[in-house]
Amino acid sequence: MTAVTRLVTFVEVDDPASDAISVSAHHEAELLDGTRVLLLNDRGWSSSQGWAETSVADMRETTRTVVGPDEPFGGRSQEDMEADHWAFLQQIAERQGVVVDAAALRRLPHDVVLSRQVLARIGGNPDTASR
């Protein structure tokens, strides 16, 4: 069994023609041997905010929010949403042959890696864009 060492979300420009923010995010589990397992590939966001009005820190924060856990709805508590989110990610990993506990996933560091295109649009420093 290969251990999961961290979660990584890669952020790419989704609409290169737009002056407004539009990005996609791919959330992965990185294994001890350096390989990665895709957990979520259906995330991203758009904003009428211009690229110059955001920062690396804002992009990281929004990315972590977008990949979950979601906000409570329908009488569910935050704890319910978090438990369901981590159990869902655990199931996705296990379907790909990675045995991991949901609680262990929750405790992992989560790095956000902004693409060169994203960094160029917000004027970010590539050396600080992956934490």
C-alpha atoms as a PDB file:
ATOM      1  CA  MET A   1       0.000   0.000   0.000  1.00  0.00           C
ATOM      2  CA  THR A   2       1.314   3.430  -0.959  1.00  0.00           C
ATOM      3  CA  ALA A   3       0.600   6.212   1.504  1.00  0.00           C
ATOM      4  CA  VAL A   4      -1.028   9.484   0.517  1.00  0.00           C
ATOM      5  CA  THR A   5       1.291  12.339   1.489  1.00  0.00           C
ATOM      6  CA  ARG A   6      -0.656  15.445   0.503  1.00  0.00           C
ATOM      7  CA  LEU A   7      -3.577  16.842  -1.436  1.00  0.00           C
ATOM      8  CA  VAL A   8      -2.806  19.059  -4.416  1.00  0.00           C
ATOM      9  CA  THR A   9      -5.168  21.205  -6.432  1.00  0.00           C
ATOM     10  CA  PHE A  10      -4.006  22.476  -9.809  1.00  0.00           C
ATOM     11  CA  VAL A  11      -5.648  25.666 -11.077  1.00  0.00           C
ATOM     12  CA  GLU A  12      -5.728  26.538 -14.796  1.00  0.00           C
ATOM     13  CA  VAL A  13      -7.198  29.412 -16.791  1.00  0.00           C
ATOM     14  CA  ASP A  14     -10.505  28.138 -18.148  1.00  0.00           C
ATOM     15  CA  ASP A  15     -11.344  30.898 -20.620  1.00  0.00           C
ATOM     16  CA  PRO A  16      -8.175  32.465 -22.071  1.00  0.00           C
ATOM     17  CA  ALA A  17     -10.223  34.989 -24.072  1.00  0.00           C
ATOM     18  CA  SER A  18     -11.908  36.483 -21.012  1.00  0.00           C
ATOM     19  CA  ASP A  19     -10.638  39.429 -18.990  1.00  0.00           C
ATOM     20  CA  ALA A  20     -12.660  38.167 -16.029  1.00  0.00           C
ATOM     21  CA  ILE A  21     -11.541  35.307 -13.814  1.00  0.00           C
ATOM     22  CA  SER A  22     -12.531  31.874 -15.080  1.00  0.00           C
ATOM     23  CA  VAL A  23     -10.586  28.840 -13.856  1.00  0.00           C
ATOM     24  CA  SER A  24     -10.816  25.079 -13.530  1.00  0.00           C
ATOM     25  CA  ALA A  25      -9.415  23.113 -10.613  1.00  0.00           C
ATOM     26  CA  HIS A  26      -8.237  19.491 -10.495  1.00  0.00           C
ATOM     27  CA  HIS A  27      -7.946  18.034  -6.999  1.00  0.00           C
ATOM     28  CA  GLU A  28      -5.520  15.127  -6.539  1.00  0.00           C
ATOM     29  CA  ALA A  29      -3.992  12.940  -3.856  1.00  0.00           C
ATOM     30  CA  GLU A  30      -0.223  12.656  -4.105  1.00  0.00           C
ATOM     31  CA  LEU A  31       1.267   9.324  -3.089  1.00  0.00           C
ATOM     32  CA  LEU A  32       4.570   8.638  -1.366  1.00  0.00           C
ATOM     33  CA  ASP A  33       6.129   7.529  -4.662  1.00  0.00           C
ATOM     34  CA  GLY A  34       5.213  10.865  -6.293  1.00  0.00           C
ATOM     35  CA  THR A  35       2.341   9.582  -8.412  1.00  0.00           C
ATOM     36  CA  ARG A  36      -1.015  11.291  -8.139  1.00  0.00           C
ATOM     37  CA  VAL A  37      -4.587  10.053  -8.110  1.00  0.00           C
ATOM     38  CA  LEU A  38      -7.350  12.305  -9.451  1.00  0.00           C
ATOM     39  CA  LEU A  39     -10.054  12.932  -6.859  1.00  0.00           C
ATOM     40  CA  LEU A  40     -12.092  15.762  -8.415  1.00  0.00           C
ATOM     41  CA  ASN A  41     -11.967  17.172 -11.937  1.00  0.00           C
ATOM     42  CA  ASP A  42     -15.291  18.976 -12.042  1.00  0.00           C
ATOM     43  CA  ARG A  43     -14.433  22.071 -10.014  1.00  0.00           C
ATOM     44  CA  GLY A  44     -13.691  25.670 -10.847  1.00  0.00           C
ATOM     45  CA  TRP A  45     -15.230  29.100 -10.737  1.00  0.00           C
ATOM     46  CA  SER A  46     -15.829  32.302 -12.624  1.00  0.00           C
ATOM     47  CA  SER A  47     -16.045  35.844 -11.387  1.00  0.00           C
ATOM     48  CA  SER A  48     -16.765  39.207 -12.909  1.00  0.00           C
ATOM     49  CA  GLN A  49     -13.740  40.377 -10.930  1.00  0.00           C
ATOM     50  CA  GLY A  50     -10.759  41.155 -13.118  1.00  0.00           C
ATOM     51  CA  TRP A  51      -7.480  39.282 -12.828  1.00  0.00           C
ATOM     52  CA  ALA A  52      -5.661  42.381 -11.603  1.00  0.00           C
ATOM     53  CA  GLU A  53      -8.062  42.583  -8.656  1.00  0.00           C
ATOM     54  CA  THR A  54      -7.053  39.235  -7.156  1.00  0.00           C
ATOM     55  CA  SER A  55      -3.913  37.795  -5.572  1.00  0.00           C
ATOM     56  CA  VAL A  56      -2.131  34.478  -5.129  1.00  0.00           C
ATOM     57  CA  ALA A  57      -3.493  34.299  -1.575  1.00  0.00           C
ATOM     58  CA  ASP A  58      -7.070  34.960  -2.775  1.00  0.00           C
ATOM     59  CA  MET A  59      -6.744  32.294  -5.465  1.00  0.00           C
ATOM     60  CA  ARG A  60      -5.460  29.745  -2.934  1.00  0.00           C
ATOM     61  CA  GLU A  61      -8.273  30.487  -0.484  1.00  0.00           C
ATOM     62  CA  THR A  62     -10.986  30.294  -3.142  1.00  0.00           C
ATOM     63  CA  THR A  63      -9.521  27.079  -4.540  1.00  0.00           C
ATOM     64  CA  ARG A  64      -9.630  25.365  -1.144  1.00  0.00           C
ATOM     65  CA  THR A  65     -13.238  26.474  -0.710  1.00  0.00           C
ATOM     66  CA  VAL A  66     -14.269  25.266  -4.172  1.00  0.00           C
ATOM     67  CA  VAL A  67     -12.872  21.741  -3.751  1.00  0.00           C
ATOM     68  CA  GLY A  68     -14.831  21.316  -0.529  1.00  0.00           C
ATOM     69  CA  PRO A  69     -16.313  20.466   1.780  1.00  0.00           C
ATOM     70  CA  ASP A  70     -19.460  22.304   0.742  1.00  0.00           C
ATOM     71  CA  GLU A  71     -21.493  24.576   2.976  1.00  0.00           C
ATOM     72  CA  PRO A  72     -24.391  22.956   4.879  1.00  0.00           C
ATOM     73  CA  PHE A  73     -27.835  22.855   3.293  1.00  0.00           C
ATOM     74  CA  GLY A  74     -31.197  21.241   3.975  1.00  0.00           C
ATOM     75  CA  GLY A  75     -30.770  21.088   7.738  1.00  0.00           C
ATOM     76  CA  ARG A  76     -27.381  19.378   7.535  1.00  0.00           C
ATOM     77  CA  SER A  77     -24.608  20.479   9.878  1.00  0.00           C
ATOM     78  CA  GLN A  78     -21.093  21.527   8.897  1.00  0.00           C
ATOM     79  CA  GLU A  79     -19.851  18.329  10.565  1.00  0.00           C
ATOM     80  CA  ASP A  80     -22.192  16.240   8.364  1.00  0.00           C
ATOM     81  CA  MET A  81     -20.954  17.986   5.231  1.00  0.00           C
ATOM     82  CA  GLU A  82     -17.320  17.495   6.181  1.00  0.00           C
ATOM     83  CA  ALA A  83     -17.790  13.813   7.042  1.00  0.00           C
ATOM     84  CA  ASP A  84     -19.575  13.183   3.738  1.00  0.00           C
ATOM     85  CA  HIS A  85     -16.932  15.082   1.756  1.00  0.00           C
ATOM     86  CA  TRP A  86     -13.980  13.144   3.185  1.00  0.00           C
ATOM     87  CA  ALA A  87     -15.823   9.814   2.874  1.00  0.00           C
ATOM     88  CA  PHE A  88     -16.568  10.643  -0.787  1.00  0.00           C
ATOM     89  CA  LEU A  89     -12.901  11.411  -1.499  1.00  0.00           C
ATOM     90  CA  GLN A  90     -11.906   8.200   0.290  1.00  0.00           C
ATOM     91  CA  GLN A  91     -14.228   6.199  -1.970  1.00  0.00           C
ATOM     92  CA  ILE A  92     -12.815   7.824  -5.105  1.00  0.00           C
ATOM     93  CA  ALA A  93      -9.257   7.032  -4.005  1.00  0.00           C
ATOM     94  CA  GLU A  94     -10.152   3.438  -3.124  1.00  0.00           C
ATOM     95  CA  ARG A  95     -11.797   2.883  -6.532  1.00  0.00           C
ATOM     96  CA  GLN A  96      -8.371   3.707  -7.962  1.00  0.00           C
ATOM     97  CA  GLY A  97      -6.577   1.259  -5.697  1.00  0.00           C
ATOM     98  CA  VAL A  98      -5.471   3.691  -2.980  1.00  0.00           C
ATOM     99  CA  VAL A  99      -6.507   2.553   0.468  1.00  0.00           C
ATOM    100  CA  VAL A 100      -6.787   5.557   2.754  1.00  0.00           C
ATOM    101  CA  ASP A 101      -8.879   6.549   5.737  1.00  0.00           C
ATOM    102  CA  ALA A 102     -11.186   9.576   5.413  1.00  0.00           C
ATOM    103  CA  ALA A 103      -9.827  11.015   8.668  1.00  0.00           C
ATOM    104  CA  ALA A 104      -6.272  10.666   7.348  1.00  0.00           C
ATOM    105  CA  LEU A 105      -7.208  12.515   4.148  1.00  0.00           C
ATOM    106  CA  ARG A 106      -8.663  15.338   6.206  1.00  0.00           C
ATOM    107  CA  ARG A 107      -5.379  15.816   8.098  1.00  0.00           C
ATOM    108  CA  LEU A 108      -3.172  15.999   4.997  1.00  0.00           C
ATOM    109  CA  PRO A 109      -1.567  19.236   3.845  1.00  0.00           C
ATOM    110  CA  HIS A 110      -3.375  20.765   0.878  1.00  0.00           C
ATOM    111  CA  ASP A 111      -1.208  22.644  -1.606  1.00  0.00           C
ATOM    112  CA  VAL A 112      -2.639  24.770  -4.394  1.00  0.00           C
ATOM    113  CA  VAL A 113      -0.581  25.018  -7.586  1.00  0.00           C
ATOM    114  CA  LEU A 114      -1.441  27.907  -9.863  1.00  0.00           C
ATOM    115  CA  SER A 115      -0.557  27.504 -13.527  1.00  0.00           C
ATOM    116  CA  ARG A 116       1.864  29.867 -15.246  1.00  0.00           C
ATOM    117  CA  GLN A 117      -1.115  31.396 -17.106  1.00  0.00           C
ATOM    118  CA  VAL A 118      -2.920  32.119 -13.834  1.00  0.00           C
ATOM    119  CA  LEU A 119       0.225  33.602 -12.317  1.00  0.00           C
ATOM    120  CA  ALA A 120       0.867  35.748 -15.378  1.00  0.00           C
ATOM    121  CA  ARG A 121      -2.641  37.174 -15.213  1.00  0.00           C
ATOM    122  CA  ILE A 122      -2.439  38.095 -11.530  1.00  0.00           C
ATOM    123  CA  GLY A 123       1.239  39.031 -11.484  1.00  0.00           C
ATOM    124  CA  GLY A 124       2.074  36.309  -8.974  1.00  0.00           C
ATOM    125  CA  ASN A 125       5.482  34.924  -8.135  1.00  0.00           C
ATOM    126  CA  PRO A 126       5.835  31.267  -9.248  1.00  0.00           C
ATOM    127  CA  ASP A 127       8.049  30.525  -6.235  1.00  0.00           C
ATOM    128  CA  THR A 128       5.251  31.335  -3.781  1.00  0.00           C
ATOM    129  CA  ALA A 129       2.322  29.958  -5.743  1.00  0.00           C
ATOM    130  CA  SER A 130       2.152  26.375  -4.460  1.00  0.00           C
ATOM    131  CA  ARG A 131       1.405  26.563  -0.741  1.00  0.00           C
END
